[in-house]
Amino acid sequence: MRDGKQLVFVEVRFRKSALFGGSEASITAIKCQRLKAAAAAYMQTHRLTNNTAARFNVVALSGDLSRRELYSVNWIENVIVD
């Protein structure tokens, strides 16, 4: 997506419950490396220059086992900072 002139890559993570750390905890160092590699490939394929500013956001969705239809949504900007 675009935010003004900035290109924004958005990773959506979902966990049914926070029992094992939730969706935010699923963004590991390895996942960040894969996101950066995918973004670099996208930018190269679409011939975007090094002057194109980009950032990584995460939309983290988590369920609540005690309430079947209640979910939390957490939008995190600039997840990967070099």
N, C-alpha and C. Protein backbone atom coordinates (compact mmCIF):
# COMPACT_ATOMS: atom_id res chain seq x y z
N MET A 1 0.83 -1.16 0.00
CA MET A 1 0.00 0.00 0.00
C MET A 1 0.88 1.23 0.00
N ARG A 2 0.30 2.37 -0.20
CA ARG A 2 1.01 3.64 -0.17
C ARG A 2 0.51 4.50 0.97
N ASP A 3 1.44 5.21 1.58
CA ASP A 3 1.12 6.23 2.57
C ASP A 3 1.85 7.48 2.10
N GLY A 4 1.14 8.30 1.33
CA GLY A 4 1.81 9.42 0.67
C GLY A 4 2.77 8.89 -0.37
N LYS A 5 4.03 9.27 -0.26
CA LYS A 5 5.05 8.78 -1.20
C LYS A 5 5.74 7.52 -0.70
N GLN A 6 5.41 7.10 0.52
CA GLN A 6 6.06 5.95 1.11
C GLN A 6 5.34 4.65 0.76
N LEU A 7 6.11 3.64 0.41
CA LEU A 7 5.58 2.31 0.13
C LEU A 7 5.51 1.56 1.45
N VAL A 8 4.36 0.95 1.74
CA VAL A 8 4.17 0.25 3.01
C VAL A 8 3.86 -1.22 2.74
N PHE A 9 4.69 -2.09 3.28
CA PHE A 9 4.44 -3.52 3.21
C PHE A 9 3.73 -3.90 4.51
N VAL A 10 2.61 -4.60 4.38
CA VAL A 10 1.79 -4.94 5.56
C VAL A 10 1.74 -6.45 5.71
N GLU A 11 2.16 -6.92 6.85
CA GLU A 11 2.09 -8.34 7.20
C GLU A 11 0.92 -8.51 8.15
N VAL A 12 0.02 -9.42 7.82
CA VAL A 12 -1.14 -9.69 8.67
C VAL A 12 -0.90 -11.01 9.39
N ARG A 13 -0.97 -10.97 10.72
CA ARG A 13 -0.74 -12.15 11.54
C ARG A 13 -2.00 -12.43 12.36
N PHE A 14 -2.38 -13.69 12.46
CA PHE A 14 -3.57 -14.07 13.22
C PHE A 14 -3.23 -15.25 14.13
N ARG A 15 -3.66 -15.16 15.34
CA ARG A 15 -3.59 -16.28 16.27
C ARG A 15 -4.95 -16.41 16.94
N LYS A 16 -5.41 -17.63 17.04
CA LYS A 16 -6.72 -17.91 17.62
C LYS A 16 -6.76 -17.52 19.10
N SER A 17 -5.60 -17.61 19.76
CA SER A 17 -5.52 -17.21 21.17
C SER A 17 -4.11 -16.70 21.45
N ALA A 18 -3.96 -16.06 22.58
CA ALA A 18 -2.66 -15.56 23.01
C ALA A 18 -1.97 -16.58 23.91
N LEU A 19 -2.47 -17.78 23.96
CA LEU A 19 -1.97 -18.81 24.84
C LEU A 19 -0.48 -19.07 24.65
N PHE A 20 0.00 -19.01 23.42
CA PHE A 20 1.42 -19.26 23.14
C PHE A 20 2.12 -18.00 22.66
N GLY A 21 1.71 -16.84 23.12
CA GLY A 21 2.41 -15.61 22.80
C GLY A 21 1.65 -14.67 21.91
N GLY A 22 0.62 -15.11 21.26
CA GLY A 22 -0.17 -14.22 20.42
C GLY A 22 0.47 -13.92 19.09
N SER A 23 -0.24 -13.14 18.30
CA SER A 23 0.20 -12.86 16.94
C SER A 23 1.43 -11.97 16.89
N GLU A 24 1.58 -11.04 17.83
CA GLU A 24 2.76 -10.18 17.84
C GLU A 24 4.03 -11.00 18.05
N ALA A 25 3.96 -12.02 18.89
CA ALA A 25 5.12 -12.87 19.17
C ALA A 25 5.52 -13.72 17.98
N SER A 26 4.65 -13.83 16.98
CA SER A 26 4.97 -14.66 15.81
C SER A 26 5.86 -13.93 14.81
N ILE A 27 6.16 -12.66 15.07
CA ILE A 27 7.08 -11.92 14.19
C ILE A 27 8.49 -12.13 14.73
N THR A 28 9.16 -13.13 14.20
CA THR A 28 10.50 -13.49 14.65
C THR A 28 11.55 -12.83 13.76
N ALA A 29 12.81 -12.96 14.14
CA ALA A 29 13.92 -12.42 13.34
C ALA A 29 13.94 -13.07 11.96
N ILE A 30 13.67 -14.35 11.89
CA ILE A 30 13.64 -15.06 10.60
C ILE A 30 12.50 -14.53 9.74
N LYS A 31 11.34 -14.29 10.35
CA LYS A 31 10.20 -13.74 9.61
C LYS A 31 10.56 -12.36 9.06
N CYS A 32 11.24 -11.54 9.84
CA CYS A 32 11.65 -10.21 9.38
C CYS A 32 12.61 -10.30 8.20
N GLN A 33 13.52 -11.26 8.23
CA GLN A 33 14.44 -11.46 7.10
C GLN A 33 13.66 -11.83 5.84
N ARG A 34 12.69 -12.69 5.98
CA ARG A 34 11.87 -13.10 4.83
C ARG A 34 11.05 -11.93 4.29
N LEU A 35 10.53 -11.10 5.18
CA LEU A 35 9.77 -9.92 4.75
C LEU A 35 10.66 -8.97 3.97
N LYS A 36 11.88 -8.75 4.46
CA LYS A 36 12.80 -7.86 3.76
C LYS A 36 13.17 -8.41 2.39
N ALA A 37 13.39 -9.71 2.30
CA ALA A 37 13.73 -10.34 1.02
C ALA A 37 12.57 -10.23 0.04
N ALA A 38 11.35 -10.45 0.51
CA ALA A 38 10.17 -10.34 -0.35
C ALA A 38 9.99 -8.90 -0.83
N ALA A 39 10.20 -7.94 0.06
CA ALA A 39 10.08 -6.53 -0.30
C ALA A 39 11.14 -6.14 -1.34
N ALA A 40 12.36 -6.61 -1.15
CA ALA A 40 13.43 -6.31 -2.10
C ALA A 40 13.10 -6.89 -3.47
N ALA A 41 12.58 -8.11 -3.51
CA ALA A 41 12.20 -8.73 -4.78
C ALA A 41 11.07 -7.95 -5.45
N TYR A 42 10.08 -7.54 -4.67
CA TYR A 42 8.97 -6.75 -5.21
C TYR A 42 9.48 -5.43 -5.80
N MET A 43 10.33 -4.76 -5.06
CA MET A 43 10.84 -3.46 -5.51
C MET A 43 11.70 -3.62 -6.77
N GLN A 44 12.46 -4.69 -6.84
CA GLN A 44 13.27 -4.93 -8.03
C GLN A 44 12.39 -5.27 -9.23
N THR A 45 11.40 -6.12 -9.03
CA THR A 45 10.49 -6.52 -10.11
C THR A 45 9.74 -5.32 -10.67
N HIS A 46 9.34 -4.41 -9.79
CA HIS A 46 8.57 -3.23 -10.20
C HIS A 46 9.45 -2.01 -10.48
N ARG A 47 10.75 -2.27 -10.54
CA ARG A 47 11.74 -1.23 -10.89
C ARG A 47 11.60 0.03 -10.05
N LEU A 48 11.41 -0.17 -8.77
CA LEU A 48 11.38 0.96 -7.85
C LEU A 48 12.82 1.29 -7.48
N THR A 49 13.13 2.54 -7.44
CA THR A 49 14.51 2.96 -7.20
C THR A 49 14.85 2.90 -5.72
N ASN A 50 16.13 3.06 -5.45
CA ASN A 50 16.59 3.11 -4.06
C ASN A 50 16.06 4.35 -3.35
N ASN A 51 15.55 5.30 -4.12
CA ASN A 51 15.00 6.52 -3.53
C ASN A 51 13.57 6.33 -3.01
N THR A 52 12.98 5.17 -3.27
CA THR A 52 11.62 4.90 -2.80
C THR A 52 11.69 4.52 -1.32
N ALA A 53 11.05 5.32 -0.49
CA ALA A 53 11.01 5.03 0.95
C ALA A 53 10.00 3.92 1.20
N ALA A 54 10.35 3.01 2.08
CA ALA A 54 9.46 1.89 2.39
C ALA A 54 9.50 1.61 3.89
N ARG A 55 8.42 1.05 4.39
CA ARG A 55 8.39 0.61 5.78
C ARG A 55 7.55 -0.66 5.88
N PHE A 56 7.65 -1.32 7.02
CA PHE A 56 6.93 -2.56 7.28
C PHE A 56 5.98 -2.35 8.44
N ASN A 57 4.72 -2.65 8.22
CA ASN A 57 3.71 -2.60 9.28
C ASN A 57 3.18 -4.01 9.51
N VAL A 58 2.64 -4.24 10.68
CA VAL A 58 2.01 -5.52 11.00
C VAL A 58 0.61 -5.24 11.53
N VAL A 59 -0.35 -6.01 11.04
CA VAL A 59 -1.68 -6.02 11.62
C VAL A 59 -1.78 -7.34 12.36
N ALA A 60 -1.83 -7.26 13.69
CA ALA A 60 -1.84 -8.44 14.54
C ALA A 60 -3.25 -8.66 15.08
N LEU A 61 -3.82 -9.80 14.72
CA LEU A 61 -5.17 -10.16 15.16
C LEU A 61 -5.07 -11.32 16.14
N SER A 62 -5.71 -11.18 17.29
CA SER A 62 -5.68 -12.24 18.30
C SER A 62 -7.08 -12.49 18.82
N GLY A 63 -7.36 -13.75 19.05
CA GLY A 63 -8.66 -14.13 19.60
C GLY A 63 -8.62 -14.19 21.11
N ASP A 64 -9.77 -14.34 21.70
CA ASP A 64 -9.92 -14.47 23.14
C ASP A 64 -10.71 -15.74 23.38
N LEU A 65 -10.06 -16.76 23.95
CA LEU A 65 -10.72 -18.05 24.15
C LEU A 65 -11.92 -17.96 25.08
N SER A 66 -11.93 -16.99 25.99
CA SER A 66 -13.04 -16.89 26.92
C SER A 66 -14.29 -16.29 26.28
N ARG A 67 -14.12 -15.58 25.16
CA ARG A 67 -15.24 -14.95 24.46
C ARG A 67 -15.12 -15.30 22.98
N ARG A 68 -15.93 -16.16 22.50
CA ARG A 68 -15.79 -16.77 21.18
C ARG A 68 -15.68 -15.79 20.02
N GLU A 69 -16.33 -14.68 20.07
CA GLU A 69 -16.36 -13.78 18.92
C GLU A 69 -15.62 -12.47 19.17
N LEU A 70 -14.76 -12.43 20.16
CA LEU A 70 -14.03 -11.21 20.47
C LEU A 70 -12.59 -11.33 20.00
N TYR A 71 -12.17 -10.39 19.19
CA TYR A 71 -10.80 -10.37 18.68
C TYR A 71 -10.20 -9.00 18.93
N SER A 72 -8.90 -8.98 19.13
CA SER A 72 -8.21 -7.70 19.25
C SER A 72 -7.42 -7.46 17.97
N VAL A 73 -7.33 -6.21 17.58
CA VAL A 73 -6.59 -5.81 16.39
C VAL A 73 -5.54 -4.81 16.83
N ASN A 74 -4.29 -5.08 16.49
CA ASN A 74 -3.19 -4.20 16.84
C ASN A 74 -2.41 -3.86 15.57
N TRP A 75 -2.41 -2.58 15.18
CA TRP A 75 -1.68 -2.11 13.99
C TRP A 75 -0.35 -1.57 14.48
N ILE A 76 0.75 -2.19 14.05
CA ILE A 76 2.09 -1.80 14.48
C ILE A 76 2.85 -1.24 13.28
N GLU A 77 3.28 0.01 13.39
CA GLU A 77 4.06 0.63 12.31
C GLU A 77 5.55 0.45 12.54
N ASN A 78 6.27 0.42 11.42
CA ASN A 78 7.75 0.34 11.45
C ASN A 78 8.26 -0.83 12.27
N VAL A 79 7.77 -2.01 11.95
CA VAL A 79 8.16 -3.21 12.66
C VAL A 79 9.64 -3.55 12.45
N ILE A 80 10.14 -3.33 11.26
CA ILE A 80 11.53 -3.62 10.94
C ILE A 80 12.27 -2.30 10.80
N VAL A 81 13.26 -2.12 11.64
CA VAL A 81 14.07 -0.89 11.57
C VAL A 81 15.51 -1.32 11.34
N ASP A 82 16.09 -0.81 10.26
CA ASP A 82 17.50 -1.13 9.96
C ASP A 82 18.42 -0.15 10.60
